[in-house]
Amino acid sequence: MSSQQRHPVQIVRDLFDWYNETIAAGRAAVTREDVQRYFTDDAVMITNEKVKCSGIDAHFHHFQDIARKMSAMAIRPFDILVEEGNRAAGYYRIDFKDKEGKSGTVLDMAFWEFRDGKIARMVELVDFVGPRVEIENY
């Protein structure tokens, strides 16, 4: 099934599977091509009412920033994930250990909009259990 035929829920699941299997496991570094598989060229991510990143290069730098600040990460399976047309919403948790060895969890409620089989917009509300990790805005 091509990326344009995938349901929105499957696009997000594929992204998270890729991240857990490839990036979080430390087997490879993220590339711009990886980002382009999942995000439109003009994709925007808004976190807690602030633009976190906009465009492929910004998303690429976002993933690099996460890799610099974390020694381990794992996105847990969704607690809830629903879709309606070209939109989806989900609640999930991300377990992490930062480079200083502190462990915590990100609580994430996200809303996605899709275009051409990719994420075009993500709006998320996040909070931390344990230490906060500041990820730059791009």
C-alpha atoms as a PDB file:
ATOM      1  CA  MET A   1       0.000   0.000   0.000  1.00  0.00           C
ATOM      2  CA  SER A   2       1.509   3.370  -0.957  1.00  0.00           C
ATOM      3  CA  SER A   3       1.808   6.251   1.501  1.00  0.00           C
ATOM      4  CA  GLN A   4      -1.085   7.990  -0.278  1.00  0.00           C
ATOM      5  CA  GLN A   5      -3.372   4.994   0.350  1.00  0.00           C
ATOM      6  CA  ARG A   6      -2.560   4.577   4.046  1.00  0.00           C
ATOM      7  CA  HIS A   7      -5.136   5.661   6.602  1.00  0.00           C
ATOM      8  CA  PRO A   8      -4.078   8.550   8.880  1.00  0.00           C
ATOM      9  CA  VAL A   9      -3.885   6.235  11.888  1.00  0.00           C
ATOM     10  CA  GLN A  10      -1.499   3.951   9.996  1.00  0.00           C
ATOM     11  CA  ILE A  11       0.770   6.859   9.011  1.00  0.00           C
ATOM     12  CA  VAL A  12       1.234   7.786  12.676  1.00  0.00           C
ATOM     13  CA  ARG A  13       1.728   4.140  13.713  1.00  0.00           C
ATOM     14  CA  ASP A  14       4.329   3.711  10.955  1.00  0.00           C
ATOM     15  CA  LEU A  15       6.144   6.871  12.080  1.00  0.00           C
ATOM     16  CA  PHE A  16       6.260   5.720  15.700  1.00  0.00           C
ATOM     17  CA  ASP A  17       7.310   2.167  14.728  1.00  0.00           C
ATOM     18  CA  TRP A  18      10.099   3.612  12.575  1.00  0.00           C
ATOM     19  CA  TYR A  19      11.222   5.863  15.413  1.00  0.00           C
ATOM     20  CA  ASN A  20      11.230   3.091  18.017  1.00  0.00           C
ATOM     21  CA  GLU A  21      12.904   0.526  15.765  1.00  0.00           C
ATOM     22  CA  THR A  22      15.487   2.753  14.113  1.00  0.00           C
ATOM     23  CA  ILE A  23      16.231   5.912  16.041  1.00  0.00           C
ATOM     24  CA  ALA A  24      15.492   4.976  19.644  1.00  0.00           C
ATOM     25  CA  ALA A  25      17.297   1.650  19.234  1.00  0.00           C
ATOM     26  CA  GLY A  26      20.408   3.538  18.116  1.00  0.00           C
ATOM     27  CA  ARG A  27      20.776   1.611  14.847  1.00  0.00           C
ATOM     28  CA  ALA A  28      20.866   4.622  12.557  1.00  0.00           C
ATOM     29  CA  ALA A  29      20.771   8.388  12.392  1.00  0.00           C
ATOM     30  CA  VAL A  30      17.721  10.175  11.046  1.00  0.00           C
ATOM     31  CA  THR A  31      18.070  11.534   7.515  1.00  0.00           C
ATOM     32  CA  ARG A  32      16.147  14.214   5.657  1.00  0.00           C
ATOM     33  CA  GLU A  33      14.789  11.413   3.457  1.00  0.00           C
ATOM     34  CA  ASP A  34      13.347   9.708   6.555  1.00  0.00           C
ATOM     35  CA  VAL A  35      11.604  12.933   7.539  1.00  0.00           C
ATOM     36  CA  GLN A  36      10.274  13.405   3.995  1.00  0.00           C
ATOM     37  CA  ARG A  37       8.631   9.968   4.112  1.00  0.00           C
ATOM     38  CA  TYR A  38       6.387  11.055   6.986  1.00  0.00           C
ATOM     39  CA  PHE A  39       5.997  14.853   6.727  1.00  0.00           C
ATOM     40  CA  THR A  40       4.897  17.217   3.953  1.00  0.00           C
ATOM     41  CA  ASP A  41       7.425  19.832   2.827  1.00  0.00           C
ATOM     42  CA  ASP A  42       5.490  22.514   4.723  1.00  0.00           C
ATOM     43  CA  ALA A  43       4.597  20.415   7.800  1.00  0.00           C
ATOM     44  CA  VAL A  44       4.158  22.342  11.047  1.00  0.00           C
ATOM     45  CA  MET A  45       4.472  20.997  14.594  1.00  0.00           C
ATOM     46  CA  ILE A  46       3.004  23.105  17.399  1.00  0.00           C
ATOM     47  CA  THR A  47       3.778  22.105  20.981  1.00  0.00           C
ATOM     48  CA  ASN A  48       2.036  23.739  23.933  1.00  0.00           C
ATOM     49  CA  GLU A  49       0.888  26.613  21.700  1.00  0.00           C
ATOM     50  CA  LYS A  50       4.379  27.346  20.268  1.00  0.00           C
ATOM     51  CA  VAL A  51       5.653  26.428  16.825  1.00  0.00           C
ATOM     52  CA  LYS A  52       8.227  23.706  17.455  1.00  0.00           C
ATOM     53  CA  CYS A  53       9.219  23.270  13.827  1.00  0.00           C
ATOM     54  CA  SER A  54       8.025  24.113  10.342  1.00  0.00           C
ATOM     55  CA  GLY A  55       9.234  22.448   7.142  1.00  0.00           C
ATOM     56  CA  ILE A  56      11.417  19.420   6.435  1.00  0.00           C
ATOM     57  CA  ASP A  57      14.715  21.000   7.515  1.00  0.00           C
ATOM     58  CA  ALA A  58      13.190  22.130  10.810  1.00  0.00           C
ATOM     59  CA  HIS A  59      11.751  18.663  11.497  1.00  0.00           C
ATOM     60  CA  PHE A  60      15.133  17.140  10.622  1.00  0.00           C
ATOM     61  CA  HIS A  61      16.850  19.463  13.145  1.00  0.00           C
ATOM     62  CA  HIS A  62      14.147  18.601  15.701  1.00  0.00           C
ATOM     63  CA  PHE A  63      15.023  14.894  15.445  1.00  0.00           C
ATOM     64  CA  GLN A  64      18.741  15.725  15.691  1.00  0.00           C
ATOM     65  CA  ASP A  65      18.097  17.814  18.819  1.00  0.00           C
ATOM     66  CA  ILE A  66      16.245  14.923  20.434  1.00  0.00           C
ATOM     67  CA  ALA A  67      19.146  12.573  19.631  1.00  0.00           C
ATOM     68  CA  ARG A  68      21.651  15.024  21.167  1.00  0.00           C
ATOM     69  CA  LYS A  69      19.693  15.318  24.412  1.00  0.00           C
ATOM     70  CA  MET A  70      18.531  11.735  24.936  1.00  0.00           C
ATOM     71  CA  SER A  71      20.420   8.543  25.594  1.00  0.00           C
ATOM     72  CA  ALA A  72      17.270   6.401  25.239  1.00  0.00           C
ATOM     73  CA  MET A  73      13.647   6.850  24.172  1.00  0.00           C
ATOM     74  CA  ALA A  74      10.645   4.630  23.554  1.00  0.00           C
ATOM     75  CA  ILE A  75       7.197   5.678  22.386  1.00  0.00           C
ATOM     76  CA  ARG A  76       4.662   3.474  24.148  1.00  0.00           C
ATOM     77  CA  PRO A  77       1.640   2.044  22.311  1.00  0.00           C
ATOM     78  CA  PHE A  78      -1.247   4.480  22.056  1.00  0.00           C
ATOM     79  CA  ASP A  79      -3.677   4.665  24.965  1.00  0.00           C
ATOM     80  CA  ILE A  80      -6.176   6.000  22.430  1.00  0.00           C
ATOM     81  CA  LEU A  81      -5.949   6.756  18.715  1.00  0.00           C
ATOM     82  CA  VAL A  82      -8.857   7.819  16.528  1.00  0.00           C
ATOM     83  CA  GLU A  83      -9.247   9.132  13.015  1.00  0.00           C
ATOM     84  CA  GLU A  84     -11.839  11.128  11.134  1.00  0.00           C
ATOM     85  CA  GLY A  85     -11.278  11.838   7.456  1.00  0.00           C
ATOM     86  CA  ASN A  86      -7.830  13.359   7.029  1.00  0.00           C
ATOM     87  CA  ARG A  87      -7.359  13.927  10.776  1.00  0.00           C
ATOM     88  CA  ALA A  88      -6.346  11.811  13.747  1.00  0.00           C
ATOM     89  CA  ALA A  89      -5.930  12.320  17.483  1.00  0.00           C
ATOM     90  CA  GLY A  90      -4.109  10.247  20.041  1.00  0.00           C
ATOM     91  CA  TYR A  91      -2.846  10.056  23.579  1.00  0.00           C
ATOM     92  CA  TYR A  92       0.465   8.329  24.200  1.00  0.00           C
ATOM     93  CA  ARG A  93       3.502   8.380  26.466  1.00  0.00           C
ATOM     94  CA  ILE A  94       7.199   8.561  25.675  1.00  0.00           C
ATOM     95  CA  ASP A  95       9.694   7.095  28.148  1.00  0.00           C
ATOM     96  CA  PHE A  96      13.161   8.614  28.026  1.00  0.00           C
ATOM     97  CA  LYS A  97      16.547   8.818  29.660  1.00  0.00           C
ATOM     98  CA  ASP A  98      18.421  12.052  29.058  1.00  0.00           C
ATOM     99  CA  LYS A  99      22.184  12.348  28.483  1.00  0.00           C
ATOM    100  CA  GLU A 100      22.650  13.109  32.183  1.00  0.00           C
ATOM    101  CA  GLY A 101      21.058   9.753  33.088  1.00  0.00           C
ATOM    102  CA  LYS A 102      17.750  11.133  34.402  1.00  0.00           C
ATOM    103  CA  SER A 103      14.630   9.164  33.434  1.00  0.00           C
ATOM    104  CA  GLY A 104      11.147  10.485  32.821  1.00  0.00           C
ATOM    105  CA  THR A 105       7.995  10.258  30.758  1.00  0.00           C
ATOM    106  CA  VAL A 106       6.404  12.693  28.329  1.00  0.00           C
ATOM    107  CA  LEU A 107       2.601  12.685  28.379  1.00  0.00           C
ATOM    108  CA  ASP A 108       1.427  13.628  24.886  1.00  0.00           C
ATOM    109  CA  MET A 109      -2.019  14.414  23.473  1.00  0.00           C
ATOM    110  CA  ALA A 110      -1.628  15.062  19.758  1.00  0.00           C
ATOM    111  CA  PHE A 111      -3.819  16.073  16.848  1.00  0.00           C
ATOM    112  CA  TRP A 112      -2.634  15.445  13.276  1.00  0.00           C
ATOM    113  CA  GLU A 113      -3.815  16.633   9.869  1.00  0.00           C
ATOM    114  CA  PHE A 114      -2.700  14.749   6.749  1.00  0.00           C
ATOM    115  CA  ARG A 115      -2.189  15.583   3.104  1.00  0.00           C
ATOM    116  CA  ASP A 116      -0.947  13.294   0.323  1.00  0.00           C
ATOM    117  CA  GLY A 117      -0.346  10.438   2.762  1.00  0.00           C
ATOM    118  CA  LYS A 118       1.894  12.487   5.075  1.00  0.00           C
ATOM    119  CA  ILE A 119       1.610  14.584   8.225  1.00  0.00           C
ATOM    120  CA  ALA A 120       0.935  18.218   7.310  1.00  0.00           C
ATOM    121  CA  ARG A 121       0.213  19.582  10.801  1.00  0.00           C
ATOM    122  CA  MET A 122       0.662  18.318  14.345  1.00  0.00           C
ATOM    123  CA  VAL A 123      -0.645  20.142  17.388  1.00  0.00           C
ATOM    124  CA  GLU A 124       0.302  18.606  20.702  1.00  0.00           C
ATOM    125  CA  LEU A 125      -0.082  19.272  24.383  1.00  0.00           C
ATOM    126  CA  VAL A 126       2.732  17.775  26.418  1.00  0.00           C
ATOM    127  CA  ASP A 127       3.667  17.510  30.066  1.00  0.00           C
ATOM    128  CA  PHE A 128       6.470  15.705  31.846  1.00  0.00           C
ATOM    129  CA  VAL A 129       6.596  13.202  34.666  1.00  0.00           C
ATOM    130  CA  GLY A 130      10.100  13.540  36.046  1.00  0.00           C
ATOM    131  CA  PRO A 131      12.707  15.845  34.525  1.00  0.00           C
ATOM    132  CA  ARG A 132      11.804  18.250  31.722  1.00  0.00           C
ATOM    133  CA  VAL A 133      13.873  18.166  28.577  1.00  0.00           C
ATOM    134  CA  GLU A 134      13.900  21.374  26.583  1.00  0.00           C
ATOM    135  CA  ILE A 135      13.833  20.756  22.841  1.00  0.00           C
ATOM    136  CA  GLU A 136      14.624  23.756  20.655  1.00  0.00           C
ATOM    137  CA  ASN A 137      12.135  25.446  18.339  1.00  0.00           C
ATOM    138  CA  TYR A 138      13.107  25.527  14.659  1.00  0.00           C
END
